[in-house]
Protein backbone atom coordinates (compact mmCIF):
# COMPACT_ATOMS: atom_id res chain seq x y z
CA MET A 1 52.28 66.64 -50.33
CA THR A 2 55.21 66.09 -52.66
CA VAL A 3 53.22 66.85 -55.79
CA VAL A 4 51.77 70.01 -54.29
CA LEU A 5 55.17 71.35 -53.25
CA VAL A 6 56.80 70.50 -56.58
CA LEU A 7 53.96 72.15 -58.50
CA LEU A 8 54.12 75.21 -56.25
CA GLY A 9 57.87 75.49 -56.77
CA ALA A 10 57.53 75.08 -60.51
CA THR A 11 54.84 77.76 -60.61
CA VAL A 12 56.94 80.19 -58.59
CA SER A 13 59.95 79.51 -60.81
CA SER A 14 58.00 79.96 -64.02
CA LEU A 15 56.54 83.25 -62.81
CA ALA A 16 60.05 84.36 -61.88
CA VAL A 17 61.30 83.58 -65.39
CA MET A 18 58.48 85.63 -66.88
CA GLY A 19 59.32 88.51 -64.56
CA ALA A 20 63.10 88.14 -64.98
CA LEU A 21 63.58 87.72 -61.22
CA VAL A 22 66.56 85.42 -60.76
CA TRP A 23 66.30 85.30 -56.97
CA LEU A 24 62.65 84.23 -57.14
CA PHE A 25 63.54 81.50 -59.62
CA TRP A 26 65.95 80.02 -57.07
CA VAL A 27 63.36 80.33 -54.32
CA GLY A 28 61.03 78.24 -56.50
CA MET A 29 63.76 75.67 -57.10
CA GLY A 30 64.32 75.56 -53.34
CA ILE A 31 60.63 74.80 -52.84
CA VAL A 32 60.95 71.94 -55.34
CA VAL A 33 63.93 70.49 -53.46
CA VAL A 34 62.13 70.80 -50.11
CA GLY A 35 59.14 69.01 -51.63
CA LEU A 36 61.29 66.16 -52.90
CA ILE A 37 63.00 65.77 -49.54
CA ALA A 38 59.68 65.89 -47.70
CA GLY A 39 58.30 63.22 -50.03
CA ARG A 40 61.25 60.92 -49.38
CA VAL A 41 60.99 61.42 -45.61
CA LEU A 42 57.25 60.76 -45.63
CA LYS A 43 57.79 57.61 -47.69
CA MET A 44 60.36 56.37 -45.17
CA LEU A 45 57.82 57.02 -42.40
CA GLY A 46 55.31 54.76 -44.17
CA PHE A 47 53.13 57.31 -45.91
CA GLY A 48 52.46 57.35 -49.65
CA GLN A 49 51.84 54.74 -52.28
CA PRO A 50 52.86 51.15 -51.54
CA ALA A 51 55.35 49.45 -53.83
CA SER A 52 53.81 47.24 -56.53
CA GLN A 53 54.74 44.04 -54.66
CA ASP A 54 53.25 45.40 -51.44
CA ALA A 55 50.06 46.36 -53.25
CA ALA A 56 49.68 42.82 -54.61
CA GLU A 57 50.08 41.41 -51.10
CA LEU A 58 47.46 43.81 -49.76
CA HIS A 59 44.96 42.60 -52.35
CA GLY A 60 45.68 38.93 -51.68
CA HIS A 61 47.44 38.03 -54.93
């Protein structure tokens, strides 16, 4: 989810730079920020990759 939103925001921003649309650039940056916040919230809710220590415990090491 986070990667998709950050890539979408970066794509929108890069297209805005090519088209010289300042407002669209900031919309793309807003999408990036929303993606980062969503990623942090999802991680706090237990979704996403486990930490390296947690992964070792899951595999019995």
